[in-house]
C-alpha atoms as a PDB file:
ATOM      1  CA  SER A   1      10.358  27.007 -10.529  1.00  0.00           C
ATOM      2  CA  PHE A   2      10.893  26.070 -14.187  1.00  0.00           C
ATOM      3  CA  VAL A   3      14.034  24.061 -13.397  1.00  0.00           C
ATOM      4  CA  GLN A   4      12.524  21.924 -10.664  1.00  0.00           C
ATOM      5  CA  GLY A   5       9.176  21.640 -12.467  1.00  0.00           C
ATOM      6  CA  ALA A   6      10.908  20.231 -15.545  1.00  0.00           C
ATOM      7  CA  GLY A   7      13.286  18.036 -13.583  1.00  0.00           C
ATOM      8  CA  ARG A   8      11.724  16.661 -10.405  1.00  0.00           C
ATOM      9  CA  GLY A   9       9.275  13.782 -10.686  1.00  0.00           C
ATOM     10  CA  SER A  10       7.240  11.904  -8.095  1.00  0.00           C
ATOM     11  CA  ALA A  11       9.512   8.861  -8.368  1.00  0.00           C
ATOM     12  CA  ALA A  12       9.272   7.834  -4.737  1.00  0.00           C
ATOM     13  CA  ILE A  13       5.464   7.734  -4.915  1.00  0.00           C
ATOM     14  CA  LEU A  14       4.987   6.124  -8.332  1.00  0.00           C
ATOM     15  CA  GLY A  15       8.197   4.178  -8.868  1.00  0.00           C
ATOM     16  CA  ILE A  16       7.845   1.309  -6.411  1.00  0.00           C
ATOM     17  CA  ALA A  17       4.095   0.945  -7.079  1.00  0.00           C
ATOM     18  CA  PHE A  18       4.705   0.665 -10.846  1.00  0.00           C
ATOM     19  CA  VAL A  19       7.473  -1.905 -10.515  1.00  0.00           C
ATOM     20  CA  VAL A  20       5.652  -4.063  -7.951  1.00  0.00           C
ATOM     21  CA  ASN A  21       2.457  -4.087 -10.049  1.00  0.00           C
ATOM     22  CA  MET A  22       4.388  -5.095 -13.168  1.00  0.00           C
ATOM     23  CA  PHE A  23       6.985  -7.504 -11.769  1.00  0.00           C
ATOM     24  CA  GLY A  24       5.689  -8.595  -8.361  1.00  0.00           C
ATOM     25  CA  SER A  25       8.706  -7.248  -6.434  1.00  0.00           C
ATOM     26  CA  ALA A  26      10.497  -3.937  -6.099  1.00  0.00           C
ATOM     27  CA  GLY A  27      13.966  -5.291  -6.862  1.00  0.00           C
ATOM     28  CA  MET A  28      16.617  -2.557  -6.838  1.00  0.00           C
ATOM     29  CA  THR A  29      14.082   0.224  -7.399  1.00  0.00           C
ATOM     30  CA  PRO A  30      14.066   1.560  -3.791  1.00  0.00           C
ATOM     31  CA  LEU A  31      17.871   1.829  -3.868  1.00  0.00           C
ATOM     32  CA  MET A  32      17.805   3.760  -7.153  1.00  0.00           C
ATOM     33  CA  ILE A  33      15.088   6.102  -5.912  1.00  0.00           C
ATOM     34  CA  PHE A  34      16.878   6.560  -2.589  1.00  0.00           C
ATOM     35  CA  ALA A  35      20.009   7.632  -4.455  1.00  0.00           C
ATOM     36  CA  ALA A  36      18.194   9.982  -6.845  1.00  0.00           C
ATOM     37  CA  VAL A  37      15.721  11.805  -4.564  1.00  0.00           C
ATOM     38  CA  PRO A  38      18.338  13.614  -2.406  1.00  0.00           C
ATOM     39  CA  LEU A  39      20.174  14.759  -5.542  1.00  0.00           C
ATOM     40  CA  PHE A  40      16.948  16.132  -7.040  1.00  0.00           C
ATOM     41  CA  ASN A  41      16.194  18.025  -3.832  1.00  0.00           C
ATOM     42  CA  VAL A  42      19.684  19.493  -3.485  1.00  0.00           C
ATOM     43  CA  PHE A  43      19.559  20.613  -7.126  1.00  0.00           C
ATOM     44  CA  SER A  44      16.081  22.150  -6.681  1.00  0.00           C
ATOM     45  CA  VAL A  45      17.024  24.051  -3.526  1.00  0.00           C
ATOM     46  CA  ALA A  46      20.137  25.435  -5.227  1.00  0.00           C
ATOM     47  CA  ALA A  47      18.149  26.536  -8.306  1.00  0.00           C
ATOM     48  CA  LEU A  48      15.445  28.228  -6.220  1.00  0.00           C
ATOM     49  CA  CYS A  49      18.039  30.053  -4.112  1.00  0.00           C
ATOM     50  CA  ILE A  50      20.024  31.285  -7.100  1.00  0.00           C
ATOM     51  CA  HIS A  51      16.954  32.568  -8.984  1.00  0.00           C
ATOM     52  CA  GLY A  52      14.757  33.451  -5.995  1.00  0.00           C
ATOM     53  CA  ARG A  53      14.659  36.204  -3.428  1.00  0.00           C
ATOM     54  CA  ASP A  54      18.400  35.768  -2.734  1.00  0.00           C
ATOM     55  CA  ALA A  55      19.327  36.433  -6.377  1.00  0.00           C
ATOM     56  CA  GLY A  56      20.621  39.961  -5.764  1.00  0.00           C
ATOM     57  CA  GLN A  57      22.936  39.030  -2.902  1.00  0.00           C
ATOM     58  CA  SER A  58      26.654  38.343  -3.030  1.00  0.00           C
ATOM     59  CA  LYS A  59      27.874  34.912  -4.080  1.00  0.00           C
ATOM     60  CA  GLY A  60      29.184  34.180  -0.577  1.00  0.00           C
ATOM     61  CA  THR A  61      25.838  35.017   1.019  1.00  0.00           C
ATOM     62  CA  GLN A  62      23.993  33.023  -1.641  1.00  0.00           C
ATOM     63  CA  LEU A  63      26.219  29.997  -1.030  1.00  0.00           C
ATOM     64  CA  ARG A  64      25.708  30.122   2.750  1.00  0.00           C
ATOM     65  CA  LYS A  65      21.928  30.451   2.394  1.00  0.00           C
ATOM     66  CA  THR A  66      21.830  27.684  -0.208  1.00  0.00           C
ATOM     67  CA  LEU A  67      23.748  25.292   2.060  1.00  0.00           C
ATOM     68  CA  LEU A  68      21.522  26.230   5.008  1.00  0.00           C
ATOM     69  CA  ASN A  69      18.349  25.644   2.964  1.00  0.00           C
ATOM     70  CA  ILE A  70      19.686  22.266   1.818  1.00  0.00           C
ATOM     71  CA  LEU A  71      20.352  21.246   5.433  1.00  0.00           C
ATOM     72  CA  LYS A  72      16.853  22.450   6.425  1.00  0.00           C
ATOM     73  CA  ASN A  73      15.090  20.638   3.558  1.00  0.00           C
ATOM     74  CA  PRO A  74      12.431  18.365   5.151  1.00  0.00           C
ATOM     75  CA  ILE A  75      12.873  15.577   2.582  1.00  0.00           C
ATOM     76  CA  ILE A  76      16.640  15.413   3.096  1.00  0.00           C
ATOM     77  CA  ILE A  77      16.174  15.499   6.881  1.00  0.00           C
ATOM     78  CA  SER A  78      13.631  12.662   6.629  1.00  0.00           C
ATOM     79  CA  ILE A  79      16.017  10.545   4.565  1.00  0.00           C
ATOM     80  CA  LEU A  80      18.816  11.092   7.100  1.00  0.00           C
ATOM     81  CA  ILE A  81      16.524  10.138   9.983  1.00  0.00           C
ATOM     82  CA  GLY A  82      15.424   7.042   8.070  1.00  0.00           C
ATOM     83  CA  LEU A  83      19.069   6.101   7.514  1.00  0.00           C
ATOM     84  CA  VAL A  84      19.713   6.269  11.251  1.00  0.00           C
ATOM     85  CA  PHE A  85      16.728   3.979  11.941  1.00  0.00           C
ATOM     86  CA  ALA A  86      17.822   1.545   9.205  1.00  0.00           C
ATOM     87  CA  PHE A  87      21.535   1.469  10.151  1.00  0.00           C
ATOM     88  CA  PHE A  88      20.953   0.939  13.866  1.00  0.00           C
ATOM     89  CA  ARG A  89      17.907  -1.288  13.251  1.00  0.00           C
ATOM     90  CA  ILE A  90      15.731   0.845  15.527  1.00  0.00           C
ATOM     91  CA  PRO A  91      12.240  -0.677  15.694  1.00  0.00           C
ATOM     92  CA  VAL A  92       9.351   1.603  14.793  1.00  0.00           C
ATOM     93  CA  PRO A  93       6.298   1.254  17.083  1.00  0.00           C
ATOM     94  CA  GLU A  94       3.283  -0.194  15.265  1.00  0.00           C
ATOM     95  CA  ILE A  95       1.058   2.770  16.113  1.00  0.00           C
ATOM     96  CA  LEU A  96       3.640   5.206  14.693  1.00  0.00           C
ATOM     97  CA  ASP A  97       4.143   3.086  11.580  1.00  0.00           C
ATOM     98  CA  SER A  98       0.377   2.913  10.935  1.00  0.00           C
ATOM     99  CA  THR A  99      -0.010   6.656  11.502  1.00  0.00           C
ATOM    100  CA  LEU A 100       2.813   7.515   9.096  1.00  0.00           C
ATOM    101  CA  ASN A 101       1.359   5.177   6.453  1.00  0.00           C
ATOM    102  CA  LEU A 102      -2.041   6.866   6.736  1.00  0.00           C
ATOM    103  CA  VAL A 103      -0.545  10.354   6.536  1.00  0.00           C
ATOM    104  CA  GLY A 104       1.625   9.323   3.587  1.00  0.00           C
ATOM    105  CA  ALA A 105      -1.373   7.879   1.738  1.00  0.00           C
ATOM    106  CA  ILE A 106      -3.311  11.161   1.831  1.00  0.00           C
ATOM    107  CA  SER A 107      -0.415  13.602   1.420  1.00  0.00           C
ATOM    108  CA  THR A 108      -0.260  13.642  -2.385  1.00  0.00           C
ATOM    109  CA  PRO A 109      -4.052  13.786  -3.040  1.00  0.00           C
ATOM    110  CA  LEU A 110      -4.397  16.477  -0.384  1.00  0.00           C
ATOM    111  CA  ALA A 111      -1.575  18.518  -1.913  1.00  0.00           C
ATOM    112  CA  LEU A 112      -3.150  18.228  -5.376  1.00  0.00           C
ATOM    113  CA  ILE A 113      -6.495  19.427  -3.968  1.00  0.00           C
ATOM    114  CA  ALA A 114      -4.733  22.383  -2.341  1.00  0.00           C
ATOM    115  CA  ILE A 115      -2.977  23.271  -5.598  1.00  0.00           C
ATOM    116  CA  GLY A 116      -6.260  23.022  -7.510  1.00  0.00           C
ATOM    117  CA  ALA A 117      -8.113  25.142  -4.960  1.00  0.00           C
ATOM    118  CA  GLY A 118      -5.489  27.879  -5.096  1.00  0.00           C
ATOM    119  CA  PHE A 119      -4.955  27.725  -8.848  1.00  0.00           C
ATOM    120  CA  SER A 120      -5.182  31.067 -10.663  1.00  0.00           C
ATOM    121  CA  PHE A 121      -6.206  30.946 -14.324  1.00  0.00           C
ATOM    122  CA  ALA A 122      -5.184  34.589 -14.757  1.00  0.00           C
ATOM    123  CA  GLY A 123      -1.727  33.823 -13.417  1.00  0.00           C
ATOM    124  CA  ALA A 124      -1.459  30.630 -15.445  1.00  0.00           C
ATOM    125  CA  LYS A 125      -2.090  32.545 -18.688  1.00  0.00           C
ATOM    126  CA  LYS A 126       1.048  34.580 -18.039  1.00  0.00           C
ATOM    127  CA  VAL A 127       3.260  31.494 -17.678  1.00  0.00           C
ATOM    128  CA  TRP A 128       1.651  29.062 -20.127  1.00  0.00           C
ATOM    129  CA  LYS A 129       4.618  29.064 -22.527  1.00  0.00           C
ATOM    130  CA  PRO A 130       7.297  28.058 -19.960  1.00  0.00           C
ATOM    131  CA  ALA A 131       4.773  25.657 -18.402  1.00  0.00           C
ATOM    132  CA  VAL A 132       4.253  23.865 -21.732  1.00  0.00           C
ATOM    133  CA  VAL A 133       8.022  23.724 -22.302  1.00  0.00           C
ATOM    134  CA  ALA A 134       8.532  22.291 -18.788  1.00  0.00           C
ATOM    135  CA  VAL A 135       5.845  19.655 -19.409  1.00  0.00           C
ATOM    136  CA  PHE A 136       7.461  18.663 -22.714  1.00  0.00           C
ATOM    137  CA  ILE A 137      10.888  18.358 -21.093  1.00  0.00           C
ATOM    138  CA  LYS A 138       9.529  16.369 -18.130  1.00  0.00           C
ATOM    139  CA  LEU A 139       7.308  13.902 -19.967  1.00  0.00           C
ATOM    140  CA  ILE A 140       8.906  13.604 -23.429  1.00  0.00           C
ATOM    141  CA  ALA A 141      12.429  15.010 -23.730  1.00  0.00           C
ATOM    142  CA  LEU A 142      14.067  13.503 -20.640  1.00  0.00           C
ATOM    143  CA  PRO A 143      12.890   9.916 -21.335  1.00  0.00           C
ATOM    144  CA  ALA A 144      13.721  10.264 -25.046  1.00  0.00           C
ATOM    145  CA  VAL A 145      17.293  11.293 -24.256  1.00  0.00           C
ATOM    146  CA  PHE A 146      18.159   9.109 -21.274  1.00  0.00           C
ATOM    147  CA  LEU A 147      16.213   5.851 -21.785  1.00  0.00           C
ATOM    148  CA  PRO A 148      18.454   4.855 -24.737  1.00  0.00           C
ATOM    149  CA  ILE A 149      21.493   5.654 -22.584  1.00  0.00           C
ATOM    150  CA  ALA A 150      20.099   3.495 -19.767  1.00  0.00           C
ATOM    151  CA  ALA A 151      19.495   0.646 -22.224  1.00  0.00           C
ATOM    152  CA  TRP A 152      23.050   0.996 -23.556  1.00  0.00           C
ATOM    153  CA  MET A 153      24.347   0.799 -19.955  1.00  0.00           C
ATOM    154  CA  GLY A 154      22.516  -2.507 -19.470  1.00  0.00           C
ATOM    155  CA  PHE A 155      19.409  -1.522 -17.516  1.00  0.00           C
ATOM    156  CA  ARG A 156      16.511  -3.956 -17.976  1.00  0.00           C
ATOM    157  CA  ASN A 157      13.153  -4.963 -16.428  1.00  0.00           C
ATOM    158  CA  GLN A 158      12.551  -3.432 -12.960  1.00  0.00           C
ATOM    159  CA  GLU A 159      15.601  -1.194 -13.185  1.00  0.00           C
ATOM    160  CA  MET A 160      14.524   0.217 -16.558  1.00  0.00           C
ATOM    161  CA  ILE A 161      11.014   0.945 -15.263  1.00  0.00           C
ATOM    162  CA  ALA A 162      12.547   2.729 -12.269  1.00  0.00           C
ATOM    163  CA  VAL A 163      14.609   4.870 -14.646  1.00  0.00           C
ATOM    164  CA  LEU A 164      11.467   5.654 -16.661  1.00  0.00           C
ATOM    165  CA  ILE A 165       9.586   6.722 -13.543  1.00  0.00           C
ATOM    166  CA  MET A 166      12.426   8.951 -12.384  1.00  0.00           C
ATOM    167  CA  LEU A 167      12.585  10.579 -15.806  1.00  0.00           C
ATOM    168  CA  GLY A 168       8.992  10.683 -17.038  1.00  0.00           C
ATOM    169  CA  SER A 169       6.758  10.785 -13.967  1.00  0.00           C
ATOM    170  CA  PRO A 170       4.647  13.907 -13.296  1.00  0.00           C
ATOM    171  CA  THR A 171       6.220  16.776 -11.392  1.00  0.00           C
ATOM    172  CA  THR A 172       6.006  16.105  -7.669  1.00  0.00           C
ATOM    173  CA  VAL A 173       3.624  18.282  -5.659  1.00  0.00           C
ATOM    174  CA  SER A 174       6.388  19.055  -3.153  1.00  0.00           C
ATOM    175  CA  CYS A 175       7.862  21.366  -5.817  1.00  0.00           C
ATOM    176  CA  PHE A 176       4.983  23.790  -5.247  1.00  0.00           C
ATOM    177  CA  VAL A 177       5.436  23.741  -1.471  1.00  0.00           C
ATOM    178  CA  MET A 178       9.197  24.249  -1.792  1.00  0.00           C
ATOM    179  CA  ALA A 179       8.780  27.099  -4.297  1.00  0.00           C
ATOM    180  CA  ARG A 180       6.315  28.929  -2.050  1.00  0.00           C
ATOM    181  CA  ASN A 181       8.470  28.470   1.054  1.00  0.00           C
ATOM    182  CA  MET A 182      11.480  29.924  -0.749  1.00  0.00           C
ATOM    183  CA  GLY A 183       9.787  33.130  -1.885  1.00  0.00           C
ATOM    184  CA  HIS A 184       8.473  32.182  -5.328  1.00  0.00           C
ATOM    185  CA  GLU A 185       4.903  32.850  -6.460  1.00  0.00           C
ATOM    186  CA  GLY A 186       4.377  29.202  -7.380  1.00  0.00           C
ATOM    187  CA  THR A 187       2.079  29.782 -10.369  1.00  0.00           C
ATOM    188  CA  LEU A 188       4.475  28.210 -12.860  1.00  0.00           C
ATOM    189  CA  THR A 189       5.111  25.270 -10.541  1.00  0.00           C
ATOM    190  CA  SER A 190       1.424  24.613  -9.865  1.00  0.00           C
ATOM    191  CA  SER A 191       0.658  24.816 -13.594  1.00  0.00           C
ATOM    192  CA  THR A 192       3.431  22.328 -14.359  1.00  0.00           C
ATOM    193  CA  VAL A 193       2.263  19.951 -11.615  1.00  0.00           C
ATOM    194  CA  MET A 194      -1.320  19.996 -12.884  1.00  0.00           C
ATOM    195  CA  LEU A 195      -0.405  19.565 -16.561  1.00  0.00           C
ATOM    196  CA  THR A 196       2.169  16.805 -16.011  1.00  0.00           C
ATOM    197  CA  THR A 197      -0.235  14.954 -13.713  1.00  0.00           C
ATOM    198  CA  ALA A 198      -2.973  15.127 -16.356  1.00  0.00           C
ATOM    199  CA  PHE A 199      -0.837  14.092 -19.336  1.00  0.00           C
ATOM    200  CA  SER A 200       1.507  11.599 -17.665  1.00  0.00           C
ATOM    201  CA  ALA A 201      -1.141   8.863 -17.900  1.00  0.00           C
ATOM    202  CA  PHE A 202      -0.813   9.035 -21.688  1.00  0.00           C
ATOM    203  CA  THR A 203       2.943   9.589 -21.930  1.00  0.00           C
ATOM    204  CA  LEU A 204       3.861   6.868 -19.419  1.00  0.00           C
ATOM    205  CA  THR A 205       1.620   4.440 -21.282  1.00  0.00           C
ATOM    206  CA  LEU A 206       3.390   5.401 -24.512  1.00  0.00           C
ATOM    207  CA  TRP A 207       6.853   4.906 -23.016  1.00  0.00           C
ATOM    208  CA  LEU A 208       5.869   1.562 -21.475  1.00  0.00           C
ATOM    209  CA  TYR A 209       4.628   0.437 -24.905  1.00  0.00           C
ATOM    210  CA  VAL A 210       7.895   1.557 -26.508  1.00  0.00           C
ATOM    211  CA  LEU A 211       9.967  -0.299 -23.900  1.00  0.00           C
ATOM    212  CA  LYS A 212       7.876  -3.454 -24.298  1.00  0.00           C
ATOM    213  CA  THR A 213       8.129  -3.296 -28.082  1.00  0.00           C
ATOM    214  CA  LEU A 214      11.904  -2.815 -28.056  1.00  0.00           C
END
């Protein structure tokens, strides 16, 4: 829970919206997010399997279950299905497209409400130290380390904002769902999601100011 809470951001939700609002077009941002999201999910599934309910099993059994959980991951399956539709140019019916847009629009707020409704203050007190460390890594440490590297590699404008969103956006709510489905309590994850969501408005503003200044 700590690993994915400190590493996985809601890039797909925030990234394109940020870039379009700032620059008027998405540019290469969807391609960057498309490349990063599957890697984040594979890494998260592997971490949860290694340190979750399968931790006491043999390495061979752990590896098989990890690979199976990766193949069963809904986000990875969705990306693969989307690739099939894009590659073969399969038209999506208007009614289905509208329905998916409506469901997608409410998914994140609804998940945040569910996390808030099930939040346990007693449980959060037990994990507040790792939660604070995860928030610091997610919102401060990762951008501080990798934004200079991205600048050195030549990233600018839309691409740089996409990198910032992937690094410094709040922890995605799907982390909580994934942690619960894979046998974890989810208290640390829910605490990290809530704290990063609350403080990201300030940290993202700070990083945007730094990028603009430099």
